[in-house]
Amino acid sequence: MCQADTRVEVDRFAWTAVNSAEKVHTVASLQHDPMGLFDLQGNVSEWVLRSPDCAVLKGANFTDPAELATCDRSIEDTDALSDGDPQVPTSQWWRVGAPWAGFRLVFED
């Protein structure tokens, strides 16, 4: 299930602007989706490399409205997301302007 069918479905699977209290939540605090994955929608957008030089954030996050809680949503990486980075030179991955950005680790038991 990449996109929830109704508002009730979204609330069961995804942290969005409606139910997140404007913060990131512990992984697996909501119900898993039909594929058995937690937080595929909502909570944080995830870094994906399109190529070695091109990163994009995929999926909705806790600041997005429920209508955007789809795993096919893309947010382009921009210099504005690095504004305020105190490191010199600035980090390739730390986006001070994107506290809703994260990543996913997948492994099998």
PDB file of N, CA and C in Angstrom:
ATOM      1  N   MET A   1       0.851  -1.179   0.000  1.00  0.00           N
ATOM      2  CA  MET A   1       0.000   0.000   0.000  1.00  0.00           C
ATOM      3  C   MET A   1       0.889   1.232   0.000  1.00  0.00           C
ATOM      4  N   CYS A   2       0.929   1.908  -1.101  1.00  0.00           N
ATOM      5  CA  CYS A   2       1.753   3.107  -1.206  1.00  0.00           C
ATOM      6  C   CYS A   2       0.969   4.334  -0.783  1.00  0.00           C
ATOM      7  N   GLN A   3      -0.297   4.351  -1.054  1.00  0.00           N
ATOM      8  CA  GLN A   3      -1.110   5.497  -0.682  1.00  0.00           C
ATOM      9  C   GLN A   3      -2.341   4.997   0.048  1.00  0.00           C
ATOM     10  N   ALA A   4      -2.602   5.602   1.187  1.00  0.00           N
ATOM     11  CA  ALA A   4      -3.786   5.215   1.943  1.00  0.00           C
ATOM     12  C   ALA A   4      -5.033   5.686   1.201  1.00  0.00           C
ATOM     13  N   ASP A   5      -6.102   4.904   1.302  1.00  0.00           N
ATOM     14  CA  ASP A   5      -7.321   5.215   0.569  1.00  0.00           C
ATOM     15  C   ASP A   5      -8.162   6.294   1.225  1.00  0.00           C
ATOM     16  N   THR A   6      -8.131   6.377   2.532  1.00  0.00           N
ATOM     17  CA  THR A   6      -8.975   7.339   3.244  1.00  0.00           C
ATOM     18  C   THR A   6      -8.188   7.980   4.373  1.00  0.00           C
ATOM     19  N   ARG A   7      -8.760   9.032   4.954  1.00  0.00           N
ATOM     20  CA  ARG A   7      -8.137   9.717   6.094  1.00  0.00           C
ATOM     21  C   ARG A   7      -7.908   8.734   7.247  1.00  0.00           C
ATOM     22  N   VAL A   8      -8.850   7.838   7.491  1.00  0.00           N
ATOM     23  CA  VAL A   8      -8.706   6.851   8.557  1.00  0.00           C
ATOM     24  C   VAL A   8      -7.509   5.949   8.278  1.00  0.00           C
ATOM     25  N   GLU A   9      -7.360   5.514   7.042  1.00  0.00           N
ATOM     26  CA  GLU A   9      -6.222   4.672   6.670  1.00  0.00           C
ATOM     27  C   GLU A   9      -4.911   5.404   6.897  1.00  0.00           C
ATOM     28  N   VAL A  10      -4.834   6.653   6.498  1.00  0.00           N
ATOM     29  CA  VAL A  10      -3.607   7.429   6.674  1.00  0.00           C
ATOM     30  C   VAL A  10      -3.248   7.500   8.150  1.00  0.00           C
ATOM     31  N   ASP A  11      -4.196   7.792   9.000  1.00  0.00           N
ATOM     32  CA  ASP A  11      -3.933   7.895  10.440  1.00  0.00           C
ATOM     33  C   ASP A  11      -3.450   6.579  11.039  1.00  0.00           C
ATOM     34  N   ARG A  12      -3.829   5.455  10.475  1.00  0.00           N
ATOM     35  CA  ARG A  12      -3.389   4.148  10.983  1.00  0.00           C
ATOM     36  C   ARG A  12      -1.935   3.865  10.647  1.00  0.00           C
ATOM     37  N   PHE A  13      -1.449   4.382   9.514  1.00  0.00           N
ATOM     38  CA  PHE A  13      -0.129   4.026   9.014  1.00  0.00           C
ATOM     39  C   PHE A  13       0.901   5.145   9.030  1.00  0.00           C
ATOM     40  N   ALA A  14       0.479   6.407   9.039  1.00  0.00           N
ATOM     41  CA  ALA A  14       1.417   7.508   8.774  1.00  0.00           C
ATOM     42  C   ALA A  14       1.299   8.646   9.779  1.00  0.00           C
ATOM     43  N   TRP A  15       2.451   9.171  10.189  1.00  0.00           N
ATOM     44  CA  TRP A  15       2.493  10.403  10.986  1.00  0.00           C
ATOM     45  C   TRP A  15       2.482  11.567  10.010  1.00  0.00           C
ATOM     46  N   THR A  16       1.451  12.397  10.071  1.00  0.00           N
ATOM     47  CA  THR A  16       1.332  13.563   9.201  1.00  0.00           C
ATOM     48  C   THR A  16       1.060  14.793  10.066  1.00  0.00           C
ATOM     49  N   ALA A  17       0.856  15.924   9.423  1.00  0.00           N
ATOM     50  CA  ALA A  17       0.596  17.167  10.150  1.00  0.00           C
ATOM     51  C   ALA A  17      -0.622  17.048  11.065  1.00  0.00           C
ATOM     52  N   VAL A  18      -1.562  16.186  10.722  1.00  0.00           N
ATOM     53  CA  VAL A  18      -2.793  16.049  11.506  1.00  0.00           C
ATOM     54  C   VAL A  18      -2.569  15.345  12.842  1.00  0.00           C
ATOM     55  N   ASN A  19      -1.740  14.305  12.873  1.00  0.00           N
ATOM     56  CA  ASN A  19      -1.636  13.488  14.091  1.00  0.00           C
ATOM     57  C   ASN A  19      -0.239  13.454  14.719  1.00  0.00           C
ATOM     58  N   SER A  20       0.722  14.184  14.185  1.00  0.00           N
ATOM     59  CA  SER A  20       2.112  14.048  14.647  1.00  0.00           C
ATOM     60  C   SER A  20       2.502  14.957  15.807  1.00  0.00           C
ATOM     61  N   ALA A  21       1.690  15.947  16.135  1.00  0.00           N
ATOM     62  CA  ALA A  21       2.049  16.954  17.141  1.00  0.00           C
ATOM     63  C   ALA A  21       3.366  17.644  16.754  1.00  0.00           C
ATOM     64  N   GLU A  22       3.594  17.747  15.434  1.00  0.00           N
ATOM     65  CA  GLU A  22       4.750  18.447  14.867  1.00  0.00           C
ATOM     66  C   GLU A  22       6.100  17.891  15.314  1.00  0.00           C
ATOM     67  N   LYS A  23       6.191  16.559  15.437  1.00  0.00           N
ATOM     68  CA  LYS A  23       7.468  15.947  15.811  1.00  0.00           C
ATOM     69  C   LYS A  23       7.600  14.559  15.197  1.00  0.00           C
ATOM     70  N   VAL A  24       8.837  14.102  15.100  1.00  0.00           N
ATOM     71  CA  VAL A  24       9.134  12.749  14.632  1.00  0.00           C
ATOM     72  C   VAL A  24       8.758  11.770  15.736  1.00  0.00           C
ATOM     73  N   HIS A  25       8.312  10.601  15.351  1.00  0.00           N
ATOM     74  CA  HIS A  25       7.923   9.573  16.320  1.00  0.00           C
ATOM     75  C   HIS A  25       8.803   8.337  16.188  1.00  0.00           C
ATOM     76  N   THR A  26       8.864   7.561  17.245  1.00  0.00           N
ATOM     77  CA  THR A  26       9.615   6.311  17.245  1.00  0.00           C
ATOM     78  C   THR A  26       9.103   5.401  16.133  1.00  0.00           C
ATOM     79  N   VAL A  27      10.019   4.778  15.426  1.00  0.00           N
ATOM     80  CA  VAL A  27       9.650   3.868  14.347  1.00  0.00           C
ATOM     81  C   VAL A  27       8.734   2.772  14.891  1.00  0.00           C
ATOM     82  N   ALA A  28       7.771   2.403  14.099  1.00  0.00           N
ATOM     83  CA  ALA A  28       6.816   1.334  14.405  1.00  0.00           C
ATOM     84  C   ALA A  28       5.851   1.704  15.522  1.00  0.00           C
ATOM     85  N   SER A  29       5.603   3.005  15.737  1.00  0.00           N
ATOM     86  CA  SER A  29       4.608   3.383  16.736  1.00  0.00           C
ATOM     87  C   SER A  29       3.185   3.341  16.200  1.00  0.00           C
ATOM     88  N   LEU A  30       3.050   3.250  14.887  1.00  0.00           N
ATOM     89  CA  LEU A  30       1.746   3.053  14.265  1.00  0.00           C
ATOM     90  C   LEU A  30       1.711   1.663  13.638  1.00  0.00           C
ATOM     91  N   GLN A  31       0.581   1.316  13.080  1.00  0.00           N
ATOM     92  CA  GLN A  31       0.399  -0.005  12.467  1.00  0.00           C
ATOM     93  C   GLN A  31       1.269  -0.140  11.208  1.00  0.00           C
ATOM     94  N   HIS A  32       1.760  -1.340  10.944  1.00  0.00           N
ATOM     95  CA  HIS A  32       2.500  -1.572   9.700  1.00  0.00           C
ATOM     96  C   HIS A  32       1.531  -1.615   8.532  1.00  0.00           C
ATOM     97  N   ASP A  33       2.058  -1.387   7.346  1.00  0.00           N
ATOM     98  CA  ASP A  33       1.216  -1.429   6.157  1.00  0.00           C
ATOM     99  C   ASP A  33       1.009  -2.889   5.722  1.00  0.00           C
ATOM    100  N   PRO A  34       0.203  -3.122   4.685  1.00  0.00           N
ATOM    101  CA  PRO A  34      -0.052  -4.498   4.246  1.00  0.00           C
ATOM    102  C   PRO A  34       1.199  -5.268   3.820  1.00  0.00           C
ATOM    103  N   MET A  35       2.293  -4.554   3.498  1.00  0.00           N
ATOM    104  CA  MET A  35       3.540  -5.233   3.141  1.00  0.00           C
ATOM    105  C   MET A  35       4.378  -5.550   4.375  1.00  0.00           C
ATOM    106  N   GLY A  36       3.899  -5.141   5.564  1.00  0.00           N
ATOM    107  CA  GLY A  36       4.624  -5.393   6.800  1.00  0.00           C
ATOM    108  C   GLY A  36       5.671  -4.338   7.114  1.00  0.00           C
ATOM    109  N   LEU A  37       5.665  -3.220   6.383  1.00  0.00           N
ATOM    110  CA  LEU A  37       6.639  -2.154   6.601  1.00  0.00           C
ATOM    111  C   LEU A  37       6.052  -1.045   7.467  1.00  0.00           C
ATOM    112  N   PHE A  38       6.878  -0.526   8.356  1.00  0.00           N
ATOM    113  CA  PHE A  38       6.467   0.582   9.209  1.00  0.00           C
ATOM    114  C   PHE A  38       6.980   1.890   8.629  1.00  0.00           C
ATOM    115  N   ASP A  39       6.188   2.933   8.780  1.00  0.00           N
ATOM    116  CA  ASP A  39       6.591   4.307   8.460  1.00  0.00           C
ATOM    117  C   ASP A  39       7.030   4.505   7.014  1.00  0.00           C
ATOM    118  N   LEU A  40       6.487   3.735   6.089  1.00  0.00           N
ATOM    119  CA  LEU A  40       6.797   3.958   4.688  1.00  0.00           C
ATOM    120  C   LEU A  40       6.167   5.271   4.228  1.00  0.00           C
ATOM    121  N   GLN A  41       5.068   5.629   4.828  1.00  0.00           N
ATOM    122  CA  GLN A  41       4.407   6.898   4.587  1.00  0.00           C
ATOM    123  C   GLN A  41       4.505   7.723   5.858  1.00  0.00           C
ATOM    124  N   GLY A  42       4.777   8.997   5.723  1.00  0.00           N
ATOM    125  CA  GLY A  42       4.800   9.878   6.889  1.00  0.00           C
ATOM    126  C   GLY A  42       6.025   9.682   7.760  1.00  0.00           C
ATOM    127  N   ASN A  43       6.046  10.316   8.895  1.00  0.00           N
ATOM    128  CA  ASN A  43       7.134  10.377   9.865  1.00  0.00           C
ATOM    129  C   ASN A  43       8.299  11.168   9.295  1.00  0.00           C
ATOM    130  N   VAL A  44       9.194  10.572   8.515  1.00  0.00           N
ATOM    131  CA  VAL A  44      10.270  11.337   7.871  1.00  0.00           C
ATOM    132  C   VAL A  44      10.339  10.990   6.381  1.00  0.00           C
ATOM    133  N   SER A  45      10.752  11.961   5.597  1.00  0.00           N
ATOM    134  CA  SER A  45      11.058  11.701   4.195  1.00  0.00           C
ATOM    135  C   SER A  45      12.435  11.055   4.162  1.00  0.00           C
ATOM    136  N   GLU A  46      12.660  10.191   3.195  1.00  0.00           N
ATOM    137  CA  GLU A  46      13.897   9.401   3.184  1.00  0.00           C
ATOM    138  C   GLU A  46      14.800   9.778   2.020  1.00  0.00           C
ATOM    139  N   TRP A  47      16.110   9.859   2.326  1.00  0.00           N
ATOM    140  CA  TRP A  47      17.098  10.143   1.288  1.00  0.00           C
ATOM    141  C   TRP A  47      17.194   8.980   0.323  1.00  0.00           C
ATOM    142  N   VAL A  48      17.179   9.296  -0.952  1.00  0.00           N
ATOM    143  CA  VAL A  48      17.356   8.310  -2.011  1.00  0.00           C
ATOM    144  C   VAL A  48      18.357   8.901  -2.997  1.00  0.00           C
ATOM    145  N   LEU A  49      19.326   8.113  -3.412  1.00  0.00           N
ATOM    146  CA  LEU A  49      20.275   8.576  -4.417  1.00  0.00           C
ATOM    147  C   LEU A  49      19.780   8.179  -5.799  1.00  0.00           C
ATOM    148  N   ARG A  50      19.571   9.166  -6.639  1.00  0.00           N
ATOM    149  CA  ARG A  50      19.209   8.886  -8.034  1.00  0.00           C
ATOM    150  C   ARG A  50      20.461   8.555  -8.838  1.00  0.00           C
ATOM    151  N   SER A  51      21.565   9.181  -8.436  1.00  0.00           N
ATOM    152  CA  SER A  51      22.879   8.925  -9.028  1.00  0.00           C
ATOM    153  C   SER A  51      23.887   9.366  -7.972  1.00  0.00           C
ATOM    154  N   PRO A  52      25.180   9.125  -8.166  1.00  0.00           N
ATOM    155  CA  PRO A  52      26.155   9.536  -7.154  1.00  0.00           C
ATOM    156  C   PRO A  52      26.126  11.036  -6.842  1.00  0.00           C
ATOM    157  N   ASP A  53      25.649  11.831  -7.784  1.00  0.00           N
ATOM    158  CA  ASP A  53      25.625  13.281  -7.586  1.00  0.00           C
ATOM    159  C   ASP A  53      24.228  13.856  -7.399  1.00  0.00           C
ATOM    160  N   CYS A  54      23.224  13.024  -7.286  1.00  0.00           N
ATOM    161  CA  CYS A  54      21.848  13.531  -7.219  1.00  0.00           C
ATOM    162  C   CYS A  54      21.063  12.805  -6.134  1.00  0.00           C
ATOM    163  N   ALA A  55      20.766  13.529  -5.059  1.00  0.00           N
ATOM    164  CA  ALA A  55      19.951  12.979  -3.977  1.00  0.00           C
ATOM    165  C   ALA A  55      18.577  13.630  -4.013  1.00  0.00           C
ATOM    166  N   VAL A  56      17.588  12.889  -3.574  1.00  0.00           N
ATOM    167  CA  VAL A  56      16.224  13.396  -3.494  1.00  0.00           C
ATOM    168  C   VAL A  56      15.600  12.820  -2.235  1.00  0.00           C
ATOM    169  N   LEU A  57      14.675  13.545  -1.639  1.00  0.00           N
ATOM    170  CA  LEU A  57      13.925  13.043  -0.489  1.00  0.00           C
ATOM    171  C   LEU A  57      12.621  12.452  -1.012  1.00  0.00           C
ATOM    172  N   LYS A  58      12.303  11.230  -0.595  1.00  0.00           N
ATOM    173  CA  LYS A  58      11.102  10.540  -1.059  1.00  0.00           C
ATOM    174  C   LYS A  58      10.133  10.351   0.091  1.00  0.00           C
ATOM    175  N   GLY A  59       8.850  10.421  -0.239  1.00  0.00           N
ATOM    176  CA  GLY A  59       7.804  10.167   0.730  1.00  0.00           C
ATOM    177  C   GLY A  59       7.418  11.393   1.540  1.00  0.00           C
ATOM    178  N   ALA A  60       6.298  11.272   2.213  1.00  0.00           N
ATOM    179  CA  ALA A  60       5.782  12.354   3.048  1.00  0.00           C
ATOM    180  C   ALA A  60       6.465  12.333   4.408  1.00  0.00           C
ATOM    181  N   ASN A  61       6.267  13.391   5.162  1.00  0.00           N
ATOM    182  CA  ASN A  61       6.848  13.469   6.501  1.00  0.00           C
ATOM    183  C   ASN A  61       5.837  14.053   7.483  1.00  0.00           C
ATOM    184  N   PHE A  62       6.236  14.166   8.725  1.00  0.00           N
ATOM    185  CA  PHE A  62       5.315  14.569   9.782  1.00  0.00           C
ATOM    186  C   PHE A  62       4.786  15.996   9.638  1.00  0.00           C
ATOM    187  N   THR A  63       5.344  16.803   8.761  1.00  0.00           N
ATOM    188  CA  THR A  63       4.847  18.168   8.553  1.00  0.00           C
ATOM    189  C   THR A  63       3.868  18.263   7.392  1.00  0.00           C
ATOM    190  N   ASP A  64       3.713  17.189   6.630  1.00  0.00           N
ATOM    191  CA  ASP A  64       2.867  17.208   5.435  1.00  0.00           C
ATOM    192  C   ASP A  64       1.411  16.907   5.754  1.00  0.00           C
ATOM    193  N   PRO A  65       0.498  17.477   4.961  1.00  0.00           N
ATOM    194  CA  PRO A  65      -0.909  17.095   5.104  1.00  0.00           C
ATOM    195  C   PRO A  65      -1.104  15.649   4.649  1.00  0.00           C
ATOM    196  N   ALA A  66      -2.153  15.037   5.104  1.00  0.00           N
ATOM    197  CA  ALA A  66      -2.421  13.627   4.806  1.00  0.00           C
ATOM    198  C   ALA A  66      -2.496  13.351   3.310  1.00  0.00           C
ATOM    199  N   GLU A  67      -2.957  14.324   2.528  1.00  0.00           N
ATOM    200  CA  GLU A  67      -3.084  14.112   1.091  1.00  0.00           C
ATOM    201  C   GLU A  67      -1.736  13.835   0.432  1.00  0.00           C
ATOM    202  N   LEU A  68      -0.643  14.275   1.054  1.00  0.00           N
ATOM    203  CA  LEU A  68       0.688  14.053   0.487  1.00  0.00           C
ATOM    204  C   LEU A  68       1.345  12.781   1.024  1.00  0.00           C
ATOM    205  N   ALA A  69       0.634  12.026   1.841  1.00  0.00           N
ATOM    206  CA  ALA A  69       1.206  10.815   2.448  1.00  0.00           C
ATOM    207  C   ALA A  69       1.241   9.677   1.441  1.00  0.00           C
ATOM    208  N   THR A  70       2.089   9.859   0.445  1.00  0.00           N
ATOM    209  CA  THR A  70       2.297   8.833  -0.569  1.00  0.00           C
ATOM    210  C   THR A  70       3.789   8.568  -0.669  1.00  0.00           C
ATOM    211  N   CYS A  71       4.159   7.336  -0.949  1.00  0.00           N
ATOM    212  CA  CYS A  71       5.581   7.019  -1.040  1.00  0.00           C
ATOM    213  C   CYS A  71       6.177   7.403  -2.382  1.00  0.00           C
ATOM    214  N   ASP A  72       5.366   7.901  -3.311  1.00  0.00           N
ATOM    215  CA  ASP A  72       5.927   8.354  -4.583  1.00  0.00           C
ATOM    216  C   ASP A  72       6.197   9.855  -4.594  1.00  0.00           C
ATOM    217  N   ARG A  73       5.969  10.533  -3.491  1.00  0.00           N
ATOM    218  CA  ARG A  73       6.243  11.964  -3.393  1.00  0.00           C
ATOM    219  C   ARG A  73       7.751  12.209  -3.391  1.00  0.00           C
ATOM    220  N   SER A  74       8.201  13.233  -4.119  1.00  0.00           N
ATOM    221  CA  SER A  74       9.617  13.591  -4.161  1.00  0.00           C
ATOM    222  C   SER A  74       9.805  15.041  -3.737  1.00  0.00           C
ATOM    223  N   ILE A  75      10.863  15.289  -2.977  1.00  0.00           N
ATOM    224  CA  ILE A  75      11.254  16.639  -2.592  1.00  0.00           C
ATOM    225  C   ILE A  75      12.687  16.808  -3.074  1.00  0.00           C
ATOM    226  N   GLU A  76      12.896  17.717  -3.993  1.00  0.00           N
ATOM    227  CA  GLU A  76      14.232  17.930  -4.540  1.00  0.00           C
ATOM    228  C   GLU A  76      15.145  18.522  -3.475  1.00  0.00           C
ATOM    229  N   ASP A  77      16.380  18.091  -3.453  1.00  0.00           N
ATOM    230  CA  ASP A  77      17.385  18.649  -2.556  1.00  0.00           C
ATOM    231  C   ASP A  77      17.781  20.029  -3.073  1.00  0.00           C
ATOM    232  N   THR A  78      17.754  21.027  -2.211  1.00  0.00           N
ATOM    233  CA  THR A  78      18.121  22.386  -2.606  1.00  0.00           C
ATOM    234  C   THR A  78      19.130  22.950  -1.619  1.00  0.00           C
ATOM    235  N   ASP A  79      19.843  23.981  -2.044  1.00  0.00           N
ATOM    236  CA  ASP A  79      20.797  24.648  -1.162  1.00  0.00           C
ATOM    237  C   ASP A  79      20.110  25.229   0.069  1.00  0.00           C
ATOM    238  N   ALA A  80      18.857  25.632  -0.069  1.00  0.00           N
ATOM    239  CA  ALA A  80      18.121  26.215   1.057  1.00  0.00           C
ATOM    240  C   ALA A  80      18.009  25.238   2.226  1.00  0.00           C
ATOM    241  N   LEU A  81      17.991  23.942   1.947  1.00  0.00           N
ATOM    242  CA  LEU A  81      17.897  22.960   3.032  1.00  0.00           C
ATOM    243  C   LEU A  81      19.167  22.920   3.877  1.00  0.00           C
ATOM    244  N   SER A  82      20.270  23.447   3.347  1.00  0.00           N
ATOM    245  CA  SER A  82      21.539  23.492   4.087  1.00  0.00           C
ATOM    246  C   SER A  82      21.761  24.815   4.811  1.00  0.00           C
ATOM    247  N   ASP A  83      20.895  25.793   4.582  1.00  0.00           N
ATOM    248  CA  ASP A  83      21.059  27.087   5.246  1.00  0.00           C
ATOM    249  C   ASP A  83      21.141  26.898   6.755  1.00  0.00           C
ATOM    250  N   GLY A  84      22.133  27.500   7.362  1.00  0.00           N
ATOM    251  CA  GLY A  84      22.317  27.398   8.801  1.00  0.00           C
ATOM    252  C   GLY A  84      23.263  26.299   9.231  1.00  0.00           C
ATOM    253  N   ASP A  85      23.787  25.509   8.285  1.00  0.00           N
ATOM    254  CA  ASP A  85      24.739  24.448   8.620  1.00  0.00           C
ATOM    255  C   ASP A  85      26.023  25.100   9.131  1.00  0.00           C
ATOM    256  N   PRO A  86      26.418  24.846  10.401  1.00  0.00           N
ATOM    257  CA  PRO A  86      27.594  25.501  10.968  1.00  0.00           C
ATOM    258  C   PRO A  86      28.927  24.885  10.532  1.00  0.00           C
ATOM    259  N   GLN A  87      28.884  23.757   9.848  1.00  0.00           N
ATOM    260  CA  GLN A  87      30.123  23.109   9.433  1.00  0.00           C
ATOM    261  C   GLN A  87      30.751  23.835   8.244  1.00  0.00           C
ATOM    262  N   VAL A  88      32.073  23.886   8.232  1.00  0.00           N
ATOM    263  CA  VAL A  88      32.805  24.459   7.105  1.00  0.00           C
ATOM    264  C   VAL A  88      33.825  23.434   6.657  1.00  0.00           C
ATOM    265  N   PRO A  89      33.708  22.885   5.465  1.00  0.00           N
ATOM    266  CA  PRO A  89      32.637  23.123   4.506  1.00  0.00           C
ATOM    267  C   PRO A  89      31.340  22.465   4.975  1.00  0.00           C
ATOM    268  N   THR A  90      30.249  22.871   4.372  1.00  0.00           N
ATOM    269  CA  THR A  90      28.959  22.317   4.775  1.00  0.00           C
ATOM    270  C   THR A  90      28.905  20.820   4.489  1.00  0.00           C
ATOM    271  N   SER A  91      28.116  20.124   5.277  1.00  0.00           N
ATOM    272  CA  SER A  91      27.975  18.680   5.136  1.00  0.00           C
ATOM    273  C   SER A  91      27.217  18.329   3.864  1.00  0.00           C
ATOM    274  N   GLN A  92      27.586  17.227   3.259  1.00  0.00           N
ATOM    275  CA  GLN A  92      26.867  16.756   2.076  1.00  0.00           C
ATOM    276  C   GLN A  92      25.468  16.261   2.449  1.00  0.00           C
ATOM    277  N   TRP A  93      25.284  15.763   3.679  1.00  0.00           N
ATOM    278  CA  TRP A  93      24.025  15.123   4.046  1.00  0.00           C
ATOM    279  C   TRP A  93      23.201  15.861   5.086  1.00  0.00           C
ATOM    280  N   TRP A  94      23.798  16.669   5.927  1.00  0.00           N
ATOM    281  CA  TRP A  94      23.025  17.324   6.980  1.00  0.00           C
ATOM    282  C   TRP A  94      22.246  18.481   6.398  1.00  0.00           C
ATOM    283  N   ARG A  95      20.959  18.449   6.521  1.00  0.00           N
ATOM    284  CA  ARG A  95      20.088  19.502   6.017  1.00  0.00           C
ATOM    285  C   ARG A  95      19.390  20.145   7.209  1.00  0.00           C
ATOM    286  N   VAL A  96      19.981  21.217   7.720  1.00  0.00           N
ATOM    287  CA  VAL A  96      19.446  21.925   8.883  1.00  0.00           C
ATOM    288  C   VAL A  96      18.007  22.349   8.631  1.00  0.00           C
ATOM    289  N   GLY A  97      17.706  22.737   7.403  1.00  0.00           N
ATOM    290  CA  GLY A  97      16.362  23.181   7.053  1.00  0.00           C
ATOM    291  C   GLY A  97      15.387  22.055   6.806  1.00  0.00           C
ATOM    292  N   ALA A  98      15.789  20.828   7.090  1.00  0.00           N
ATOM    293  CA  ALA A  98      14.918  19.677   6.847  1.00  0.00           C
ATOM    294  C   ALA A  98      14.955  18.713   8.039  1.00  0.00           C
ATOM    295  N   PRO A  99      14.416  19.119   9.191  1.00  0.00           N
ATOM    296  CA  PRO A  99      14.426  18.224  10.350  1.00  0.00           C
ATOM    297  C   PRO A  99      13.554  16.990  10.147  1.00  0.00           C
ATOM    298  N   TRP A 100      12.824  16.953   9.062  1.00  0.00           N
ATOM    299  CA  TRP A 100      11.946  15.843   8.718  1.00  0.00           C
ATOM    300  C   TRP A 100      12.607  14.879   7.736  1.00  0.00           C
ATOM    301  N   ALA A 101      13.904  15.044   7.506  1.00  0.00           N
ATOM    302  CA  ALA A 101      14.624  14.154   6.586  1.00  0.00           C
ATOM    303  C   ALA A 101      15.281  13.027   7.366  1.00  0.00           C
ATOM    304  N   GLY A 102      15.217  11.821   6.839  1.00  0.00           N
ATOM    305  CA  GLY A 102      15.815  10.660   7.494  1.00  0.00           C
ATOM    306  C   GLY A 102      16.277   9.646   6.469  1.00  0.00           C
ATOM    307  N   PHE A 103      16.441   8.432   6.906  1.00  0.00           N
ATOM    308  CA  PHE A 103      16.838   7.356   6.007  1.00  0.00           C
ATOM    309  C   PHE A 103      16.286   6.059   6.546  1.00  0.00           C
ATOM    310  N   ARG A 104      16.307   5.021   5.733  1.00  0.00           N
ATOM    311  CA  ARG A 104      15.752   3.720   6.120  1.00  0.00           C
ATOM    312  C   ARG A 104      16.841   2.670   6.010  1.00  0.00           C
ATOM    313  N   LEU A 105      16.949   1.855   7.023  1.00  0.00           N
ATOM    314  CA  LEU A 105      17.812   0.686   6.996  1.00  0.00           C
ATOM    315  C   LEU A 105      16.906  -0.537   6.936  1.00  0.00           C
ATOM    316  N   VAL A 106      17.182  -1.410   6.017  1.00  0.00           N
ATOM    317  CA  VAL A 106      16.370  -2.623   5.875  1.00  0.00           C
ATOM    318  C   VAL A 106      17.286  -3.824   6.040  1.00  0.00           C
ATOM    319  N   PHE A 107      16.884  -4.764   6.868  1.00  0.00           N
ATOM    320  CA  PHE A 107      17.658  -5.986   7.056  1.00  0.00           C
ATOM    321  C   PHE A 107      16.714  -7.120   7.383  1.00  0.00           C
ATOM    322  N   GLU A 108      17.183  -8.318   7.204  1.00  0.00           N
ATOM    323  CA  GLU A 108      16.393  -9.491   7.527  1.00  0.00           C
ATOM    324  C   GLU A 108      16.946 -10.151   8.768  1.00  0.00           C
ATOM    325  N   ASP A 109      16.044 -10.656   9.593  1.00  0.00           N
ATOM    326  CA  ASP A 109      16.455 -11.400  10.801  1.00  0.00           C
ATOM    327  C   ASP A 109      16.948 -12.772  10.422  1.00  0.00           C
TER     328      ASP A 109
END
